[in-house]
Amino acid sequence: MQLENKKLSVFKRVGGFLLIIIVLLGFFFLGGKLTGLFTSHERVQGLSCATEPSANVAFTAAFGALFVAVAGYAVTFLTNCFTFDFSRPFFASFKKKLYLINIVVSLGLSLAVGFFVSVPVTPILVRFNLPEPLPFITPILVSLIGVQLILVWINIWSPLNRAIVRKRATALEIDPISLGKGTLVGVSDPDKSSFKKLTLVEDDVGVLWIEPAQLVYKGDTEDFELKRDNIISFECKADAGSVASYAGAVYPILRYRNTDGSEQSIRFHAWGSWTLGGLSKSLKLLSLKLESWHSPDTEEL
């Protein structure tokens, strides 16, 4: 059976990435206005094009930004994002902490690359008699956009994401053998807009076992068992509030009936992928497994 994947249109996907670039530009120029970068060269003395910044100043700034990024990443990873007790629910606070730390790390990397690039590029741009401070800010701006787009595609927190789920599973006394048979996933409610979530779109993370008679999920705060007879429908649909959907990813969604007769939907997220491409493949594989479980008598074309 061929899955019907409800992807976002090409127009929406291209528009999503353009929106990311526009937001990055907005934050850059807002920061420039607040710091006086565009109005007062005195405030950036030593970096102004008028004085042709020395390579030493740029390299110092670059290594400083790189140190902040690398140190922030290392400390975050080694402390499990400052999470020290997995015996109780942690994901809600984890999302908020990772959101703030990711800003620091990604900005540090962007500025480090920007300052390194400015060393050879700024003197070249100065020769074109561009108005100040364009020769200085252009390489930083281009680097900022480039690095941020790369970090949208590559999930540098993938090892941490996998580690925290396993640590929580261990704290819940899930043995290593059972853990190895399960799939690390996130879950969310497709009936609620993801646009309202500033942090990760997942509501919970945990382990999913696809058993012949039922689906079993054990997460940070949620546990459920879904039998095939309780399933009303199954589909694969993009989430407009998730960046991965703008790279073509679609998410498996099950709608089921509770014991009290009410209906509810759950969306599954592949968890721990390194890239958006890898995430799309993991979601496709998960969707095929769920489709096979949901309709065991159907055959794939």
Protein backbone atom coordinates (compact mmCIF):
# COMPACT_ATOMS: atom_id res chain seq x y z
CA MET A 1 0.00 0.00 0.00
CA GLN A 2 1.38 3.39 -0.97
CA LEU A 3 1.23 5.94 1.82
CA GLU A 4 -0.39 9.24 0.98
CA ASN A 5 2.05 11.87 2.19
CA LYS A 6 0.49 15.27 2.70
CA LYS A 7 3.57 17.43 2.24
CA LEU A 8 3.68 21.20 2.31
CA SER A 9 3.47 22.82 -1.11
CA VAL A 10 6.70 23.94 -2.78
CA PHE A 11 5.56 27.55 -2.35
CA LYS A 12 5.19 27.11 1.42
CA ARG A 13 8.48 25.27 1.73
CA VAL A 14 10.44 27.94 -0.12
CA GLY A 15 8.58 30.64 1.77
CA GLY A 16 9.50 29.02 5.08
CA PHE A 17 13.23 29.19 4.40
CA LEU A 18 12.90 32.77 3.12
CA LEU A 19 11.13 33.65 6.36
CA ILE A 20 14.06 32.20 8.35
CA ILE A 21 16.48 34.42 6.40
CA ILE A 22 14.28 37.48 6.89
CA VAL A 23 14.10 36.85 10.64
CA LEU A 24 17.89 36.47 10.81
CA LEU A 25 18.35 39.73 8.92
CA GLY A 26 15.88 41.44 11.22
CA PHE A 27 17.70 40.34 14.36
CA PHE A 28 21.06 41.31 12.88
CA PHE A 29 20.02 44.83 11.95
CA LEU A 30 18.10 45.28 15.22
CA GLY A 31 21.25 44.31 17.08
CA GLY A 32 23.24 46.71 14.91
CA LYS A 33 20.90 49.58 15.71
CA LEU A 34 20.92 48.86 19.43
CA THR A 35 24.72 48.71 19.54
CA GLY A 36 25.21 51.69 17.24
CA LEU A 37 27.04 49.62 14.64
CA PHE A 38 25.33 51.43 11.78
CA THR A 39 25.49 54.94 13.20
CA SER A 40 28.57 55.34 15.33
CA HIS A 41 31.94 53.97 14.32
CA GLU A 42 33.41 55.15 17.60
CA ARG A 43 31.43 52.50 19.45
CA VAL A 44 33.16 49.77 17.47
CA GLN A 45 36.58 51.31 17.63
CA GLY A 46 39.17 48.97 16.27
CA LEU A 47 36.59 47.24 14.06
CA SER A 48 35.47 50.18 11.92
CA CYS A 49 36.29 50.12 8.24
CA ALA A 50 37.55 53.68 8.61
CA THR A 51 40.52 52.37 10.58
CA GLU A 52 40.79 49.08 8.66
CA PRO A 53 40.61 46.61 11.55
CA SER A 54 43.73 44.60 12.17
CA ALA A 55 43.73 40.86 11.75
CA ASN A 56 44.62 40.51 15.43
CA VAL A 57 41.39 42.20 16.53
CA ALA A 58 39.26 40.06 14.22
CA PHE A 59 41.05 36.86 15.21
CA THR A 60 40.68 37.71 18.90
CA ALA A 61 36.95 38.27 18.46
CA ALA A 62 36.64 35.09 16.40
CA PHE A 63 38.43 32.89 18.94
CA GLY A 64 36.44 34.50 21.76
CA ALA A 65 33.13 33.70 20.04
CA LEU A 66 34.34 30.20 19.17
CA PHE A 67 35.37 29.57 22.77
CA VAL A 68 31.92 30.59 24.03
CA ALA A 69 30.24 28.28 21.49
CA VAL A 70 32.46 25.26 22.10
CA ALA A 71 32.47 25.68 25.87
CA GLY A 72 28.71 26.14 25.92
CA TYR A 73 28.17 23.03 23.82
CA ALA A 74 30.58 20.90 25.88
CA VAL A 75 29.14 21.95 29.24
CA THR A 76 25.58 21.43 27.98
CA PHE A 77 26.38 17.96 26.66
CA LEU A 78 28.34 16.84 29.73
CA THR A 79 25.60 18.01 32.12
CA ASN A 80 22.72 16.70 29.97
CA CYS A 81 21.60 20.30 29.51
CA PHE A 82 21.92 20.91 33.24
CA THR A 83 19.65 17.98 34.01
CA PHE A 84 20.89 15.98 36.98
CA ASP A 85 17.87 13.95 38.07
CA PHE A 86 16.15 11.62 35.58
CA SER A 87 14.02 9.95 38.23
CA ARG A 88 11.34 12.59 37.67
CA PRO A 89 9.92 14.33 34.56
CA PHE A 90 12.49 16.61 32.96
CA PHE A 91 11.47 17.34 29.35
CA ALA A 92 9.45 20.53 29.94
CA SER A 93 12.39 22.31 31.57
CA PHE A 94 14.88 20.67 29.20
CA LYS A 95 13.20 22.28 26.18
CA LYS A 96 13.41 25.76 27.67
CA LYS A 97 17.04 25.41 28.71
CA LEU A 98 18.10 23.97 25.36
CA TYR A 99 16.28 26.76 23.52
CA LEU A 100 18.31 29.45 25.29
CA ILE A 101 21.61 27.55 25.12
CA ASN A 102 21.16 26.90 21.41
CA ILE A 103 20.90 30.65 20.79
CA VAL A 104 24.23 31.22 22.55
CA VAL A 105 26.02 28.34 20.82
CA SER A 106 24.69 29.03 17.31
CA LEU A 107 25.34 32.77 17.62
CA GLY A 108 28.87 32.10 18.87
CA LEU A 109 29.59 29.82 15.91
CA SER A 110 28.11 32.34 13.46
CA LEU A 111 30.16 35.24 14.82
CA ALA A 112 33.33 33.16 14.93
CA VAL A 113 32.98 32.25 11.25
CA GLY A 114 32.02 35.83 10.42
CA PHE A 115 35.09 37.35 12.07
CA PHE A 116 37.40 34.78 10.49
CA VAL A 117 35.91 35.50 7.05
CA SER A 118 36.15 39.27 7.60
CA VAL A 119 39.96 39.11 7.87
CA PRO A 120 40.57 38.48 4.14
CA VAL A 121 37.25 39.79 2.79
CA THR A 122 36.90 43.21 4.48
CA PRO A 123 40.09 44.72 2.93
CA ILE A 124 38.89 43.58 -0.49
CA LEU A 125 35.47 45.21 0.01
CA VAL A 126 37.10 48.42 1.23
CA ARG A 127 38.78 48.80 -2.16
CA PHE A 128 35.35 48.97 -3.80
CA ASN A 129 34.61 52.15 -1.80
CA LEU A 130 31.47 50.72 -0.26
CA PRO A 131 29.81 52.98 2.31
CA GLU A 132 30.71 52.18 5.89
CA PRO A 133 30.12 49.90 7.67
CA LEU A 134 29.21 47.57 4.76
CA PRO A 135 32.76 46.26 4.15
CA PHE A 136 32.89 45.07 7.75
CA ILE A 137 29.35 43.82 8.34
CA THR A 138 28.83 42.11 4.96
CA PRO A 139 31.07 39.07 5.63
CA ILE A 140 29.64 38.75 9.12
CA LEU A 141 26.07 38.98 7.83
CA VAL A 142 26.63 36.43 5.06
CA SER A 143 28.37 34.09 7.50
CA LEU A 144 25.55 34.50 10.01
CA ILE A 145 22.92 33.49 7.47
CA GLY A 146 25.05 30.65 6.10
CA VAL A 147 25.88 29.13 9.48
CA GLN A 148 22.31 29.41 10.73
CA LEU A 149 20.95 27.67 7.62
CA ILE A 150 23.51 24.90 8.09
CA LEU A 151 22.44 24.55 11.73
CA VAL A 152 18.83 24.34 10.60
CA TRP A 153 19.79 21.35 8.45
CA ILE A 154 22.23 19.75 10.92
CA ASN A 155 21.06 19.01 14.45
CA ILE A 156 24.16 19.45 16.61
CA TRP A 157 22.18 18.32 19.65
CA SER A 158 21.39 14.88 18.21
CA PRO A 159 23.71 12.93 20.60
CA LEU A 160 22.29 14.79 23.59
CA ASN A 161 18.70 14.14 22.47
CA ARG A 162 19.31 10.40 22.25
CA ALA A 163 21.21 10.30 25.53
CA ILE A 164 18.54 11.98 27.64
CA VAL A 165 15.80 9.62 26.46
CA ARG A 166 17.94 6.60 27.28
CA LYS A 167 18.82 8.01 30.71
CA ARG A 168 15.15 8.64 31.47
CA ALA A 169 14.26 5.14 30.26
CA THR A 170 16.92 3.66 32.54
CA ALA A 171 15.52 5.65 35.46
CA LEU A 172 12.09 4.19 34.64
CA GLU A 173 13.67 0.72 34.97
CA ILE A 174 13.41 -0.19 31.30
CA ASP A 175 16.08 -2.84 30.77
CA PRO A 176 18.70 -2.40 28.00
CA ILE A 177 17.36 -5.30 25.93
CA SER A 178 13.83 -3.87 25.84
CA LEU A 179 15.22 -0.42 25.16
CA GLY A 180 17.15 -1.77 22.18
CA LYS A 181 13.98 -3.26 20.70
CA GLY A 182 12.13 0.05 20.90
CA THR A 183 12.28 3.20 18.81
CA LEU A 184 13.16 6.59 20.26
CA VAL A 185 10.32 8.95 19.39
CA GLY A 186 8.68 12.19 20.35
CA VAL A 187 4.93 12.74 20.46
CA SER A 188 2.68 15.76 20.09
CA ASP A 189 -0.95 16.68 19.62
CA PRO A 190 -1.67 17.43 15.92
CA ASP A 191 -4.87 19.24 16.92
CA LYS A 192 -2.77 21.99 18.56
CA SER A 193 -0.77 24.47 16.49
CA SER A 194 3.00 24.05 16.64
CA PHE A 195 3.44 27.73 15.74
CA LYS A 196 2.68 28.62 19.36
CA LYS A 197 5.69 26.64 20.58
CA LEU A 198 8.93 28.60 20.73
CA THR A 199 10.87 25.53 21.82
CA LEU A 200 10.77 21.96 20.48
CA VAL A 201 7.41 20.99 18.98
CA GLU A 202 7.42 17.63 20.79
CA ASP A 203 5.23 17.50 23.90
CA ASP A 204 6.97 14.41 25.23
CA VAL A 205 9.79 12.01 24.31
CA GLY A 206 10.23 8.34 25.04
CA VAL A 207 10.37 4.84 23.59
CA LEU A 208 7.82 3.19 21.27
CA TRP A 209 7.41 -0.56 20.85
CA ILE A 210 5.42 -1.76 17.85
CA GLU A 211 4.08 -5.13 19.02
CA PRO A 212 1.80 -7.42 17.00
CA ALA A 213 -1.26 -6.70 19.12
CA GLN A 214 -0.60 -3.17 20.29
CA LEU A 215 1.58 -0.06 20.35
CA VAL A 216 3.29 0.58 23.66
CA TYR A 217 4.79 3.95 24.51
CA LYS A 218 6.64 4.95 27.66
CA GLY A 219 7.79 8.54 27.84
CA ASP A 220 8.89 11.22 30.22
CA THR A 221 5.36 12.11 31.34
CA GLU A 222 3.06 10.01 29.13
CA ASP A 223 2.41 6.27 28.84
CA PHE A 224 -0.12 4.59 26.59
CA GLU A 225 -1.05 1.34 24.94
CA LEU A 226 -3.02 1.42 21.69
CA LYS A 227 -4.71 -1.68 20.32
CA ARG A 228 -5.46 -1.97 16.63
CA ASP A 229 -9.21 -2.03 17.24
CA ASN A 230 -9.02 1.39 18.89
CA ILE A 231 -7.47 3.05 15.82
CA ILE A 232 -9.87 5.16 13.76
CA SER A 233 -7.49 6.41 11.07
CA PHE A 234 -3.86 6.69 10.06
CA GLU A 235 -2.24 9.36 7.88
CA CYS A 236 1.08 11.04 7.16
CA LYS A 237 0.92 14.82 7.18
CA ALA A 238 3.31 17.77 7.29
CA ASP A 239 3.39 20.04 10.33
CA ALA A 240 3.55 23.67 9.20
CA GLY A 241 5.04 24.63 12.56
CA SER A 242 8.01 22.29 12.20
CA VAL A 243 11.10 23.28 10.20
CA ALA A 244 11.52 19.67 9.04
CA SER A 245 8.28 19.89 7.07
CA TYR A 246 9.82 22.63 4.91
CA ALA A 247 12.45 20.09 3.90
CA GLY A 248 9.74 17.64 2.84
CA ALA A 249 9.20 15.70 6.06
CA VAL A 250 5.78 14.32 6.95
CA TYR A 251 4.69 12.93 10.31
CA PRO A 252 2.65 9.79 11.02
CA ILE A 253 -0.59 10.58 12.84
CA LEU A 254 -2.91 8.10 14.51
CA ARG A 255 -6.45 8.96 15.50
CA TYR A 256 -7.88 6.60 18.10
CA ARG A 257 -10.85 6.08 20.41
CA ASN A 258 -10.35 6.15 24.17
CA THR A 259 -12.06 3.76 26.57
CA ASP A 260 -14.63 6.46 27.39
CA GLY A 261 -15.56 6.79 23.70
CA SER A 262 -13.81 10.12 23.11
CA GLU A 263 -11.49 10.55 20.14
CA GLN A 264 -7.90 11.75 20.26
CA SER A 265 -4.97 12.09 17.84
CA ILE A 266 -1.27 11.61 18.34
CA ARG A 267 1.59 12.62 16.08
CA PHE A 268 4.91 10.76 16.17
CA HIS A 269 8.31 12.42 15.72
CA ALA A 270 11.49 10.54 14.87
CA TRP A 271 13.96 11.46 17.60
CA GLY A 272 17.71 11.92 17.48
CA SER A 273 18.41 12.35 13.75
CA TRP A 274 21.52 14.28 12.73
CA THR A 275 20.07 16.04 9.67
CA LEU A 276 16.73 17.04 8.20
CA GLY A 277 17.37 14.50 5.46
CA GLY A 278 17.98 11.80 8.04
CA LEU A 279 14.87 12.90 9.91
CA SER A 280 12.76 12.56 6.76
CA LYS A 281 14.09 9.02 6.20
CA SER A 282 13.49 8.05 9.83
CA LEU A 283 9.94 9.41 9.66
CA LYS A 284 9.28 7.51 6.45
CA LEU A 285 10.54 4.27 8.00
CA LEU A 286 8.46 4.86 11.13
CA SER A 287 5.42 5.62 8.98
CA LEU A 288 5.85 2.38 7.03
CA LYS A 289 6.11 0.38 10.26
CA LEU A 290 2.99 2.00 11.68
CA GLU A 291 1.10 1.54 8.42
CA SER A 292 2.08 -2.13 8.33
CA TRP A 293 0.92 -2.52 11.93
CA HIS A 294 -2.31 -0.60 11.30
CA SER A 295 -3.17 -2.55 8.13
CA PRO A 296 -1.35 -5.91 8.43
CA ASP A 297 -3.27 -7.47 5.52
CA THR A 298 -2.25 -4.82 2.98
CA GLU A 299 0.69 -5.22 0.63
CA GLU A 300 3.16 -2.53 -0.34
CA LEU A 301 3.30 -1.74 -4.03
